[in-house]
């Protein structure tokens, strides 16, 4: 494709599950130069998708590709979403948040495809990491985790307020052995600086084998949210790939959960990652769980509730739904 417009600057924010990529994107959007037009492309491992809602109130155009890595099973759909954003929005800058389980080399290869050579200017990615994950051997030995670090133009040690000084130093030392040549920034709450992208070199070209598409998946534009489930309907979606399993639900907005019971259910699931936007007995909340650590913050009322689990073990989703329904005020 060709376009008589300046090249669209593309910034990828890489990072494993739960490192705070969506929070960082929100921070960047809050500091967008007034004279620039931005757009966001979000990819989630699960089919329900929560991040699109979290970013949907920023006033920036957000498209979401749900269901696996954006360049594997979702590759053709990613191209459609990317092309739509370029043609319809003509952004000066495109922020891309791949799934924490995405394959970054494949993502870069798609963006550097010859068809985008005269359209996109891909800058080196920023990779967010959490010191508490960095120091664990299961992350240090995880191929995707290491690949995200090796492809970074700069590394961002996020959630520094949640790690003790010993963990912080150990994480910095290990990262220095992997990428001694790149800048390492330390932040809290995703406070990424746009200059870290601007000062990064152009992304080096990568070459990977083309992977055939295995599924046709929907692209969700959060300016026109699909019809919410009816009062009696819960929509469940499941997926598994790369040794991980996802189960997600879209549920009616009028459903209200008992906070104590829901949190007990959340802890019983032992999810690697849980994200939800739900109406609790004290109001709408955004719920996050990463490696057992829980956070809950207030959130604007929505047209529907959503919850998504990512697990490293199979789950009886029907039984999980029965237990989840028992946590509602009316079940």
C-alpha atoms as a PDB file:
ATOM      1  CA  UNK A   1       0.000   0.000   0.000  1.00  0.00           C
ATOM      2  CA  UNK A   2       1.178   3.574  -0.537  1.00  0.00           C
ATOM      3  CA  UNK A   3       0.124   6.895   0.898  1.00  0.00           C
ATOM      4  CA  UNK A   4       0.971  10.517   0.022  1.00  0.00           C
ATOM      5  CA  UNK A   5       1.431  11.319   3.694  1.00  0.00           C
ATOM      6  CA  UNK A   6       4.409  11.450   6.088  1.00  0.00           C
ATOM      7  CA  UNK A   7       5.474   8.107   7.496  1.00  0.00           C
ATOM      8  CA  UNK A   8       3.475   6.972  10.506  1.00  0.00           C
ATOM      9  CA  UNK A   9       5.807   6.614  13.508  1.00  0.00           C
ATOM     10  CA  UNK A  10       5.245   3.225  15.133  1.00  0.00           C
ATOM     11  CA  UNK A  11       6.150   2.584  18.770  1.00  0.00           C
ATOM     12  CA  UNK A  12       5.897  -0.904  20.240  1.00  0.00           C
ATOM     13  CA  UNK A  13       5.606  -1.352  23.976  1.00  0.00           C
ATOM     14  CA  UNK A  14       6.696  -4.906  24.743  1.00  0.00           C
ATOM     15  CA  UNK A  15       6.514  -6.746  28.052  1.00  0.00           C
ATOM     16  CA  UNK A  16       5.367  -9.975  29.638  1.00  0.00           C
ATOM     17  CA  UNK A  17       2.044 -10.574  31.371  1.00  0.00           C
ATOM     18  CA  UNK A  18       1.228  -8.024  34.041  1.00  0.00           C
ATOM     19  CA  UNK A  19       4.210  -5.675  33.709  1.00  0.00           C
ATOM     20  CA  UNK A  20       1.956  -2.627  33.232  1.00  0.00           C
ATOM     21  CA  UNK A  21       1.895  -2.027  29.476  1.00  0.00           C
ATOM     22  CA  UNK A  22      -1.678  -0.726  29.409  1.00  0.00           C
ATOM     23  CA  UNK A  23      -0.993   1.645  32.310  1.00  0.00           C
ATOM     24  CA  UNK A  24       2.068   2.904  30.439  1.00  0.00           C
ATOM     25  CA  UNK A  25       0.011   3.450  27.272  1.00  0.00           C
ATOM     26  CA  UNK A  26      -2.539   5.452  29.290  1.00  0.00           C
ATOM     27  CA  UNK A  27       0.297   7.568  30.697  1.00  0.00           C
ATOM     28  CA  UNK A  28       1.693   8.236  27.225  1.00  0.00           C
ATOM     29  CA  UNK A  29      -1.743   9.183  25.899  1.00  0.00           C
ATOM     30  CA  UNK A  30      -2.096  11.651  28.741  1.00  0.00           C
ATOM     31  CA  UNK A  31       1.085  13.385  27.567  1.00  0.00           C
ATOM     32  CA  UNK A  32       0.376  13.406  23.824  1.00  0.00           C
ATOM     33  CA  UNK A  33       1.567  16.585  22.085  1.00  0.00           C
ATOM     34  CA  UNK A  34      -1.476  18.676  21.187  1.00  0.00           C
ATOM     35  CA  UNK A  35      -0.395  18.951  17.552  1.00  0.00           C
ATOM     36  CA  UNK A  36      -0.099  15.188  16.973  1.00  0.00           C
ATOM     37  CA  UNK A  37      -2.771  12.687  15.990  1.00  0.00           C
ATOM     38  CA  UNK A  38      -2.326   9.292  17.671  1.00  0.00           C
ATOM     39  CA  UNK A  39      -3.932   5.871  17.433  1.00  0.00           C
ATOM     40  CA  UNK A  40      -3.502   2.654  19.426  1.00  0.00           C
ATOM     41  CA  UNK A  41      -3.512  -1.003  18.376  1.00  0.00           C
ATOM     42  CA  UNK A  42      -3.908  -3.477  21.248  1.00  0.00           C
ATOM     43  CA  UNK A  43      -3.454  -7.245  21.117  1.00  0.00           C
ATOM     44  CA  UNK A  44      -4.592  -9.621  23.859  1.00  0.00           C
ATOM     45  CA  UNK A  45      -4.015 -13.340  24.254  1.00  0.00           C
ATOM     46  CA  UNK A  46      -7.639 -14.019  25.206  1.00  0.00           C
ATOM     47  CA  UNK A  47     -10.691 -13.598  22.994  1.00  0.00           C
ATOM     48  CA  UNK A  48     -12.725 -11.320  25.271  1.00  0.00           C
ATOM     49  CA  UNK A  49     -10.294  -8.420  25.598  1.00  0.00           C
ATOM     50  CA  UNK A  50     -10.223  -6.049  28.566  1.00  0.00           C
ATOM     51  CA  UNK A  51      -7.486  -3.576  27.625  1.00  0.00           C
ATOM     52  CA  UNK A  52      -9.614  -1.993  24.911  1.00  0.00           C
ATOM     53  CA  UNK A  53     -12.082  -0.927  27.589  1.00  0.00           C
ATOM     54  CA  UNK A  54      -9.324   0.341  29.864  1.00  0.00           C
ATOM     55  CA  UNK A  55      -8.055   2.575  27.038  1.00  0.00           C
ATOM     56  CA  UNK A  56     -11.452   3.342  25.551  1.00  0.00           C
ATOM     57  CA  UNK A  57     -12.113   6.524  27.552  1.00  0.00           C
ATOM     58  CA  UNK A  58      -8.928   8.333  26.513  1.00  0.00           C
ATOM     59  CA  UNK A  59     -10.409  10.007  23.434  1.00  0.00           C
ATOM     60  CA  UNK A  60      -7.824   8.256  21.238  1.00  0.00           C
ATOM     61  CA  UNK A  61      -8.878   5.805  18.531  1.00  0.00           C
ATOM     62  CA  UNK A  62      -8.223   2.273  19.820  1.00  0.00           C
ATOM     63  CA  UNK A  63      -8.494  -0.934  17.824  1.00  0.00           C
ATOM     64  CA  UNK A  64      -8.111  -4.313  19.435  1.00  0.00           C
ATOM     65  CA  UNK A  65      -7.054  -7.659  17.992  1.00  0.00           C
ATOM     66  CA  UNK A  66      -8.072 -10.377  20.408  1.00  0.00           C
ATOM     67  CA  UNK A  67      -7.193 -14.040  20.435  1.00  0.00           C
ATOM     68  CA  UNK A  68      -3.532 -15.048  20.459  1.00  0.00           C
ATOM     69  CA  UNK A  69      -0.383 -13.399  19.156  1.00  0.00           C
ATOM     70  CA  UNK A  70      -1.236 -10.601  16.708  1.00  0.00           C
ATOM     71  CA  UNK A  71       1.035 -12.030  14.019  1.00  0.00           C
ATOM     72  CA  UNK A  72       0.368 -15.755  14.362  1.00  0.00           C
ATOM     73  CA  UNK A  73      -3.254 -16.910  14.499  1.00  0.00           C
ATOM     74  CA  UNK A  74      -4.380 -13.280  14.202  1.00  0.00           C
ATOM     75  CA  UNK A  75      -1.969 -12.179  11.483  1.00  0.00           C
ATOM     76  CA  UNK A  76      -4.454 -11.405   8.694  1.00  0.00           C
ATOM     77  CA  UNK A  77      -6.762  -9.628  11.139  1.00  0.00           C
ATOM     78  CA  UNK A  78      -3.857  -7.549  12.417  1.00  0.00           C
ATOM     79  CA  UNK A  79      -3.167  -6.365   8.870  1.00  0.00           C
ATOM     80  CA  UNK A  80      -6.811  -5.378   8.472  1.00  0.00           C
ATOM     81  CA  UNK A  81      -6.798  -3.445  11.756  1.00  0.00           C
ATOM     82  CA  UNK A  82      -3.480  -1.791  10.920  1.00  0.00           C
ATOM     83  CA  UNK A  83      -4.602  -0.794   7.441  1.00  0.00           C
ATOM     84  CA  UNK A  84      -7.887   0.594   8.770  1.00  0.00           C
ATOM     85  CA  UNK A  85      -6.101   2.742  11.333  1.00  0.00           C
ATOM     86  CA  UNK A  86      -3.705   4.105   8.736  1.00  0.00           C
ATOM     87  CA  UNK A  87      -6.326   4.843   6.083  1.00  0.00           C
ATOM     88  CA  UNK A  88      -9.156   6.096   8.309  1.00  0.00           C
ATOM     89  CA  UNK A  89      -7.278   7.932  11.040  1.00  0.00           C
ATOM     90  CA  UNK A  90      -4.061   9.063   9.311  1.00  0.00           C
ATOM     91  CA  UNK A  91      -2.209   9.116  12.657  1.00  0.00           C
ATOM     92  CA  UNK A  92       1.134  10.793  13.146  1.00  0.00           C
ATOM     93  CA  UNK A  93       2.001   8.109  15.686  1.00  0.00           C
ATOM     94  CA  UNK A  94       0.732   4.571  16.256  1.00  0.00           C
ATOM     95  CA  UNK A  95       1.263   2.924  19.643  1.00  0.00           C
ATOM     96  CA  UNK A  96       1.127  -0.873  19.574  1.00  0.00           C
ATOM     97  CA  UNK A  97       0.692  -3.012  22.684  1.00  0.00           C
ATOM     98  CA  UNK A  98       1.233  -6.676  21.776  1.00  0.00           C
ATOM     99  CA  UNK A  99       0.095  -9.466  24.048  1.00  0.00           C
ATOM    100  CA  UNK A 100       2.515 -10.372  26.822  1.00  0.00           C
ATOM    101  CA  UNK A 101       2.604 -13.793  25.164  1.00  0.00           C
ATOM    102  CA  UNK A 102       3.180 -12.358  21.693  1.00  0.00           C
ATOM    103  CA  UNK A 103       6.148 -13.176  19.454  1.00  0.00           C
ATOM    104  CA  UNK A 104       7.935  -9.828  19.045  1.00  0.00           C
ATOM    105  CA  UNK A 105      10.205 -10.876  16.167  1.00  0.00           C
ATOM    106  CA  UNK A 106       7.156 -11.871  14.147  1.00  0.00           C
ATOM    107  CA  UNK A 107       5.403  -8.627  15.013  1.00  0.00           C
ATOM    108  CA  UNK A 108       8.402  -6.571  13.897  1.00  0.00           C
ATOM    109  CA  UNK A 109       8.689  -8.599  10.699  1.00  0.00           C
ATOM    110  CA  UNK A 110       5.069  -7.791   9.818  1.00  0.00           C
ATOM    111  CA  UNK A 111       5.566  -4.066  10.457  1.00  0.00           C
ATOM    112  CA  UNK A 112       8.764  -4.100   8.374  1.00  0.00           C
ATOM    113  CA  UNK A 113       7.108  -5.902   5.478  1.00  0.00           C
ATOM    114  CA  UNK A 114       7.772  -4.343   2.073  1.00  0.00           C
ATOM    115  CA  UNK A 115       4.110  -3.333   1.797  1.00  0.00           C
ATOM    116  CA  UNK A 116       4.633  -0.912   4.715  1.00  0.00           C
ATOM    117  CA  UNK A 117       8.066   0.367   3.716  1.00  0.00           C
ATOM    118  CA  UNK A 118       6.675   3.671   2.402  1.00  0.00           C
ATOM    119  CA  UNK A 119       4.026   3.948   5.126  1.00  0.00           C
ATOM    120  CA  UNK A 120       5.529   3.130   8.536  1.00  0.00           C
ATOM    121  CA  UNK A 121       8.617   4.269  10.396  1.00  0.00           C
ATOM    122  CA  UNK A 122       9.170   1.626  13.070  1.00  0.00           C
ATOM    123  CA  UNK A 123      11.232   2.802  16.029  1.00  0.00           C
ATOM    124  CA  UNK A 124      13.006   0.404  18.357  1.00  0.00           C
ATOM    125  CA  UNK A 125      10.624  -1.033  20.963  1.00  0.00           C
ATOM    126  CA  UNK A 126      10.565  -0.230  24.639  1.00  0.00           C
ATOM    127  CA  UNK A 127      10.323  -3.331  26.808  1.00  0.00           C
ATOM    128  CA  UNK A 128       8.747  -3.068  30.240  1.00  0.00           C
ATOM    129  CA  UNK A 129       9.870  -5.498  32.941  1.00  0.00           C
ATOM    130  CA  UNK A 130       8.980  -5.993  36.597  1.00  0.00           C
ATOM    131  CA  UNK A 131      11.964  -6.577  38.911  1.00  0.00           C
ATOM    132  CA  UNK A 132       9.993  -9.185  40.840  1.00  0.00           C
ATOM    133  CA  UNK A 133       9.680 -11.234  37.653  1.00  0.00           C
ATOM    134  CA  UNK A 134      13.183 -10.530  36.344  1.00  0.00           C
ATOM    135  CA  UNK A 135      14.880 -12.237  39.288  1.00  0.00           C
ATOM    136  CA  UNK A 136      12.913 -15.490  38.894  1.00  0.00           C
ATOM    137  CA  UNK A 137      14.519 -18.294  36.875  1.00  0.00           C
ATOM    138  CA  UNK A 138      11.199 -19.248  35.276  1.00  0.00           C
ATOM    139  CA  UNK A 139      11.162 -15.862  33.552  1.00  0.00           C
ATOM    140  CA  UNK A 140      14.892 -15.755  32.827  1.00  0.00           C
ATOM    141  CA  UNK A 141      14.532 -19.108  31.058  1.00  0.00           C
ATOM    142  CA  UNK A 142      11.313 -18.251  29.198  1.00  0.00           C
ATOM    143  CA  UNK A 143      12.038 -17.838  25.481  1.00  0.00           C
ATOM    144  CA  UNK A 144       9.427 -15.127  24.826  1.00  0.00           C
ATOM    145  CA  UNK A 145      10.453 -13.186  27.931  1.00  0.00           C
ATOM    146  CA  UNK A 146      14.089 -13.122  26.857  1.00  0.00           C
ATOM    147  CA  UNK A 147      13.187 -12.284  23.248  1.00  0.00           C
ATOM    148  CA  UNK A 148      11.277  -9.197  24.403  1.00  0.00           C
ATOM    149  CA  UNK A 149      14.395  -8.039  26.249  1.00  0.00           C
ATOM    150  CA  UNK A 150      16.787  -8.770  23.389  1.00  0.00           C
ATOM    151  CA  UNK A 151      14.724  -6.737  20.902  1.00  0.00           C
ATOM    152  CA  UNK A 152      14.392  -3.648  23.108  1.00  0.00           C
ATOM    153  CA  UNK A 153      15.861  -0.314  22.116  1.00  0.00           C
ATOM    154  CA  UNK A 154      15.516   0.607  25.794  1.00  0.00           C
ATOM    155  CA  UNK A 155      14.424  -1.251  28.926  1.00  0.00           C
ATOM    156  CA  UNK A 156      11.992   0.125  31.493  1.00  0.00           C
ATOM    157  CA  UNK A 157      12.012  -1.343  34.984  1.00  0.00           C
ATOM    158  CA  UNK A 158       8.413  -0.640  35.984  1.00  0.00           C
ATOM    159  CA  UNK A 159       6.651  -0.977  39.366  1.00  0.00           C
ATOM    160  CA  UNK A 160       9.835   0.010  41.166  1.00  0.00           C
ATOM    161  CA  UNK A 161       7.734   1.034  44.175  1.00  0.00           C
ATOM    162  CA  UNK A 162       6.663  -2.598  44.638  1.00  0.00           C
ATOM    163  CA  UNK A 163      10.120  -4.205  44.669  1.00  0.00           C
ATOM    164  CA  UNK A 164      12.557  -4.067  47.583  1.00  0.00           C
ATOM    165  CA  UNK A 165      16.049  -2.650  47.021  1.00  0.00           C
ATOM    166  CA  UNK A 166      17.715  -6.098  46.941  1.00  0.00           C
ATOM    167  CA  UNK A 167      15.320  -7.340  44.239  1.00  0.00           C
ATOM    168  CA  UNK A 168      15.763  -4.112  42.304  1.00  0.00           C
ATOM    169  CA  UNK A 169      19.559  -4.397  42.292  1.00  0.00           C
ATOM    170  CA  UNK A 170      19.460  -8.080  41.356  1.00  0.00           C
ATOM    171  CA  UNK A 171      17.120  -7.320  38.448  1.00  0.00           C
ATOM    172  CA  UNK A 172      19.325  -4.507  37.202  1.00  0.00           C
ATOM    173  CA  UNK A 173      22.390  -6.767  37.361  1.00  0.00           C
ATOM    174  CA  UNK A 174      20.724  -9.546  35.360  1.00  0.00           C
ATOM    175  CA  UNK A 175      19.403  -7.135  32.734  1.00  0.00           C
ATOM    176  CA  UNK A 176      22.910  -5.685  32.392  1.00  0.00           C
ATOM    177  CA  UNK A 177      24.217  -9.142  31.508  1.00  0.00           C
ATOM    178  CA  UNK A 178      21.583  -9.466  28.772  1.00  0.00           C
ATOM    179  CA  UNK A 179      21.649  -5.944  27.286  1.00  0.00           C
ATOM    180  CA  UNK A 180      24.594  -3.928  28.619  1.00  0.00           C
ATOM    181  CA  UNK A 181      24.406  -1.581  25.623  1.00  0.00           C
ATOM    182  CA  UNK A 182      20.831  -0.273  26.071  1.00  0.00           C
ATOM    183  CA  UNK A 183      19.476   2.369  28.411  1.00  0.00           C
ATOM    184  CA  UNK A 184      17.662   1.152  31.528  1.00  0.00           C
ATOM    185  CA  UNK A 185      15.012   3.442  33.042  1.00  0.00           C
ATOM    186  CA  UNK A 186      13.310   2.893  36.384  1.00  0.00           C
ATOM    187  CA  UNK A 187       9.717   4.081  36.884  1.00  0.00           C
ATOM    188  CA  UNK A 188       6.580   3.634  38.949  1.00  0.00           C
ATOM    189  CA  UNK A 189       3.031   3.164  37.643  1.00  0.00           C
ATOM    190  CA  UNK A 190       3.983   3.041  33.975  1.00  0.00           C
ATOM    191  CA  UNK A 191       5.346   6.600  33.807  1.00  0.00           C
ATOM    192  CA  UNK A 192       7.109   6.060  30.491  1.00  0.00           C
ATOM    193  CA  UNK A 193       8.610   9.105  28.784  1.00  0.00           C
ATOM    194  CA  UNK A 194       7.936   9.586  25.072  1.00  0.00           C
ATOM    195  CA  UNK A 195      11.522  10.808  24.632  1.00  0.00           C
ATOM    196  CA  UNK A 196      12.730   7.270  25.304  1.00  0.00           C
ATOM    197  CA  UNK A 197      11.100   6.301  22.008  1.00  0.00           C
ATOM    198  CA  UNK A 198      12.298   9.424  20.221  1.00  0.00           C
ATOM    199  CA  UNK A 199      15.881   8.845  21.281  1.00  0.00           C
ATOM    200  CA  UNK A 200      15.864   5.191  20.282  1.00  0.00           C
ATOM    201  CA  UNK A 201      17.378   4.143  16.977  1.00  0.00           C
ATOM    202  CA  UNK A 202      15.269   2.856  14.133  1.00  0.00           C
ATOM    203  CA  UNK A 203      14.323  -0.744  14.799  1.00  0.00           C
ATOM    204  CA  UNK A 204      16.742  -3.224  13.164  1.00  0.00           C
ATOM    205  CA  UNK A 205      15.131  -5.317  10.481  1.00  0.00           C
ATOM    206  CA  UNK A 206      14.249  -8.846  11.483  1.00  0.00           C
ATOM    207  CA  UNK A 207      13.438 -11.850   9.346  1.00  0.00           C
ATOM    208  CA  UNK A 208      11.302 -14.772  10.441  1.00  0.00           C
ATOM    209  CA  UNK A 209       9.472 -17.546   8.640  1.00  0.00           C
ATOM    210  CA  UNK A 210       5.930 -16.613   7.652  1.00  0.00           C
ATOM    211  CA  UNK A 211       3.328 -18.394   9.747  1.00  0.00           C
ATOM    212  CA  UNK A 212       0.052 -19.429   8.181  1.00  0.00           C
ATOM    213  CA  UNK A 213      -3.142 -18.055   9.689  1.00  0.00           C
ATOM    214  CA  UNK A 214      -5.121 -20.571  11.713  1.00  0.00           C
ATOM    215  CA  UNK A 215      -8.198 -18.535  12.559  1.00  0.00           C
ATOM    216  CA  UNK A 216     -10.259 -15.579  11.447  1.00  0.00           C
ATOM    217  CA  UNK A 217     -10.803 -13.325  14.453  1.00  0.00           C
ATOM    218  CA  UNK A 218     -12.825 -10.152  14.993  1.00  0.00           C
ATOM    219  CA  UNK A 219     -11.334  -6.692  15.216  1.00  0.00           C
ATOM    220  CA  UNK A 220     -13.037  -4.635  17.908  1.00  0.00           C
ATOM    221  CA  UNK A 221     -13.252  -0.869  17.533  1.00  0.00           C
ATOM    222  CA  UNK A 222     -14.080   0.519  20.980  1.00  0.00           C
ATOM    223  CA  UNK A 223     -15.841   3.567  19.548  1.00  0.00           C
ATOM    224  CA  UNK A 224     -18.629   1.155  18.558  1.00  0.00           C
ATOM    225  CA  UNK A 225     -18.734  -1.556  21.200  1.00  0.00           C
ATOM    226  CA  UNK A 226     -20.634  -4.699  20.112  1.00  0.00           C
ATOM    227  CA  UNK A 227     -24.035  -5.172  21.690  1.00  0.00           C
ATOM    228  CA  UNK A 228     -23.705  -6.130  25.333  1.00  0.00           C
ATOM    229  CA  UNK A 229     -25.039  -9.483  26.524  1.00  0.00           C
ATOM    230  CA  UNK A 230     -28.702  -9.580  27.459  1.00  0.00           C
ATOM    231  CA  UNK A 231     -29.831  -9.686  31.081  1.00  0.00           C
ATOM    232  CA  UNK A 232     -29.649 -13.484  31.139  1.00  0.00           C
ATOM    233  CA  UNK A 233     -26.709 -14.053  28.830  1.00  0.00           C
ATOM    234  CA  UNK A 234     -23.052 -14.634  29.618  1.00  0.00           C
ATOM    235  CA  UNK A 235     -20.674 -15.001  26.681  1.00  0.00           C
ATOM    236  CA  UNK A 236     -17.695 -17.278  27.372  1.00  0.00           C
ATOM    237  CA  UNK A 237     -14.583 -17.621  25.180  1.00  0.00           C
ATOM    238  CA  UNK A 238     -11.595 -19.947  25.576  1.00  0.00           C
ATOM    239  CA  UNK A 239      -8.165 -20.329  23.975  1.00  0.00           C
ATOM    240  CA  UNK A 240      -4.896 -22.177  24.515  1.00  0.00           C
ATOM    241  CA  UNK A 241      -1.472 -21.726  22.934  1.00  0.00           C
ATOM    242  CA  UNK A 242       2.202 -21.811  23.909  1.00  0.00           C
ATOM    243  CA  UNK A 243       1.370 -23.707  27.100  1.00  0.00           C
ATOM    244  CA  UNK A 244      -1.072 -21.060  28.365  1.00  0.00           C
ATOM    245  CA  UNK A 245      -4.873 -21.110  28.630  1.00  0.00           C
ATOM    246  CA  UNK A 246      -7.325 -18.221  28.593  1.00  0.00           C
ATOM    247  CA  UNK A 247     -10.949 -18.126  29.676  1.00  0.00           C
ATOM    248  CA  UNK A 248     -12.988 -14.949  29.436  1.00  0.00           C
ATOM    249  CA  UNK A 249     -16.538 -13.750  29.936  1.00  0.00           C
ATOM    250  CA  UNK A 250     -18.641 -10.831  28.722  1.00  0.00           C
ATOM    251  CA  UNK A 251     -21.513 -10.293  31.131  1.00  0.00           C
ATOM    252  CA  UNK A 252     -24.517  -7.956  31.514  1.00  0.00           C
ATOM    253  CA  UNK A 253     -23.760  -4.562  33.015  1.00  0.00           C
ATOM    254  CA  UNK A 254     -26.548  -4.952  35.571  1.00  0.00           C
ATOM    255  CA  UNK A 255     -24.809  -7.929  37.177  1.00  0.00           C
ATOM    256  CA  UNK A 256     -23.442  -7.018  40.619  1.00  0.00           C
ATOM    257  CA  UNK A 257     -20.835  -9.079  42.455  1.00  0.00           C
ATOM    258  CA  UNK A 258     -20.337  -9.447  46.201  1.00  0.00           C
ATOM    259  CA  UNK A 259     -16.787  -8.201  46.697  1.00  0.00           C
ATOM    260  CA  UNK A 260     -15.785 -10.654  49.431  1.00  0.00           C
ATOM    261  CA  UNK A 261     -17.080 -13.694  47.532  1.00  0.00           C
ATOM    262  CA  UNK A 262     -15.607 -12.613  44.200  1.00  0.00           C
ATOM    263  CA  UNK A 263     -12.149 -12.029  45.647  1.00  0.00           C
ATOM    264  CA  UNK A 264     -12.246 -15.444  47.317  1.00  0.00           C
ATOM    265  CA  UNK A 265     -13.077 -16.939  43.900  1.00  0.00           C
ATOM    266  CA  UNK A 266     -10.281 -14.946  42.247  1.00  0.00           C
ATOM    267  CA  UNK A 267      -7.685 -16.291  44.691  1.00  0.00           C
ATOM    268  CA  UNK A 268      -8.961 -19.854  44.283  1.00  0.00           C
ATOM    269  CA  UNK A 269      -8.342 -19.808  40.512  1.00  0.00           C
ATOM    270  CA  UNK A 270      -4.537 -19.331  40.773  1.00  0.00           C
ATOM    271  CA  UNK A 271      -4.368 -17.408  37.496  1.00  0.00           C
ATOM    272  CA  UNK A 272      -1.069 -16.149  36.097  1.00  0.00           C
ATOM    273  CA  UNK A 273      -3.016 -13.064  35.020  1.00  0.00           C
ATOM    274  CA  UNK A 274      -6.542 -11.838  35.666  1.00  0.00           C
ATOM    275  CA  UNK A 275      -8.101  -8.657  34.309  1.00  0.00           C
ATOM    276  CA  UNK A 276     -11.679  -7.576  34.870  1.00  0.00           C
ATOM    277  CA  UNK A 277     -13.993  -4.586  34.706  1.00  0.00           C
ATOM    278  CA  UNK A 278     -17.027  -5.408  36.845  1.00  0.00           C
ATOM    279  CA  UNK A 279     -19.712  -3.814  39.005  1.00  0.00           C
ATOM    280  CA  UNK A 280     -19.062  -4.709  42.633  1.00  0.00           C
ATOM    281  CA  UNK A 281     -21.380  -4.084  45.579  1.00  0.00           C
ATOM    282  CA  UNK A 282     -19.510  -0.789  46.101  1.00  0.00           C
ATOM    283  CA  UNK A 283     -19.337   0.336  42.462  1.00  0.00           C
ATOM    284  CA  UNK A 284     -17.520  -0.387  39.195  1.00  0.00           C
ATOM    285  CA  UNK A 285     -13.961  -1.614  39.584  1.00  0.00           C
ATOM    286  CA  UNK A 286     -10.929  -2.476  37.462  1.00  0.00           C
ATOM    287  CA  UNK A 287      -9.397  -5.642  38.920  1.00  0.00           C
ATOM    288  CA  UNK A 288      -5.871  -6.861  38.186  1.00  0.00           C
ATOM    289  CA  UNK A 289      -4.070  -9.951  39.431  1.00  0.00           C
ATOM    290  CA  UNK A 290      -0.447 -10.702  38.506  1.00  0.00           C
ATOM    291  CA  UNK A 291       1.317 -13.698  40.068  1.00  0.00           C
ATOM    292  CA  UNK A 292      -1.104 -13.622  42.993  1.00  0.00           C
ATOM    293  CA  UNK A 293      -0.791  -9.858  43.651  1.00  0.00           C
ATOM    294  CA  UNK A 294      -4.194  -8.143  43.560  1.00  0.00           C
ATOM    295  CA  UNK A 295      -5.093  -4.535  42.799  1.00  0.00           C
ATOM    296  CA  UNK A 296      -8.549  -2.943  42.606  1.00  0.00           C
ATOM    297  CA  UNK A 297      -9.301   0.616  41.501  1.00  0.00           C
ATOM    298  CA  UNK A 298     -12.477   2.556  40.751  1.00  0.00           C
ATOM    299  CA  UNK A 299     -13.615   2.581  37.123  1.00  0.00           C
ATOM    300  CA  UNK A 300     -16.369   4.329  35.121  1.00  0.00           C
ATOM    301  CA  UNK A 301     -19.626   2.430  34.578  1.00  0.00           C
ATOM    302  CA  UNK A 302     -19.635   0.304  31.426  1.00  0.00           C
ATOM    303  CA  UNK A 303     -22.156  -1.176  28.992  1.00  0.00           C
ATOM    304  CA  UNK A 304     -21.033  -4.650  30.008  1.00  0.00           C
ATOM    305  CA  UNK A 305     -18.769  -6.426  32.479  1.00  0.00           C
ATOM    306  CA  UNK A 306     -15.707  -8.351  31.269  1.00  0.00           C
ATOM    307  CA  UNK A 307     -13.343 -10.766  32.974  1.00  0.00           C
ATOM    308  CA  UNK A 308     -10.396 -12.647  31.499  1.00  0.00           C
ATOM    309  CA  UNK A 309      -8.092 -15.257  33.014  1.00  0.00           C
ATOM    310  CA  UNK A 310      -4.728 -16.423  31.701  1.00  0.00           C
ATOM    311  CA  UNK A 311      -3.487 -19.626  33.324  1.00  0.00           C
ATOM    312  CA  UNK A 312      -0.581 -22.025  33.001  1.00  0.00           C
ATOM    313  CA  UNK A 313      -2.923 -24.947  33.608  1.00  0.00           C
ATOM    314  CA  UNK A 314      -6.204 -26.138  32.117  1.00  0.00           C
ATOM    315  CA  UNK A 315      -9.419 -25.069  33.842  1.00  0.00           C
ATOM    316  CA  UNK A 316     -12.928 -26.503  33.860  1.00  0.00           C
ATOM    317  CA  UNK A 317     -14.505 -23.325  32.510  1.00  0.00           C
ATOM    318  CA  UNK A 318     -18.090 -24.487  33.001  1.00  0.00           C
ATOM    319  CA  UNK A 319     -17.484 -25.222  36.676  1.00  0.00           C
ATOM    320  CA  UNK A 320     -15.585 -21.939  37.022  1.00  0.00           C
ATOM    321  CA  UNK A 321     -18.591 -20.107  35.588  1.00  0.00           C
ATOM    322  CA  UNK A 322     -20.938 -21.828  38.033  1.00  0.00           C
ATOM    323  CA  UNK A 323     -18.738 -20.647  40.906  1.00  0.00           C
ATOM    324  CA  UNK A 324     -18.455 -17.154  39.420  1.00  0.00           C
ATOM    325  CA  UNK A 325     -22.241 -16.845  39.134  1.00  0.00           C
ATOM    326  CA  UNK A 326     -22.550 -17.783  42.807  1.00  0.00           C
ATOM    327  CA  UNK A 327     -20.643 -14.611  43.656  1.00  0.00           C
ATOM    328  CA  UNK A 328     -23.362 -12.339  42.250  1.00  0.00           C
ATOM    329  CA  UNK A 329     -26.032 -10.631  44.287  1.00  0.00           C
ATOM    330  CA  UNK A 330     -28.658 -12.337  42.122  1.00  0.00           C
ATOM    331  CA  UNK A 331     -27.681 -15.792  40.877  1.00  0.00           C
END
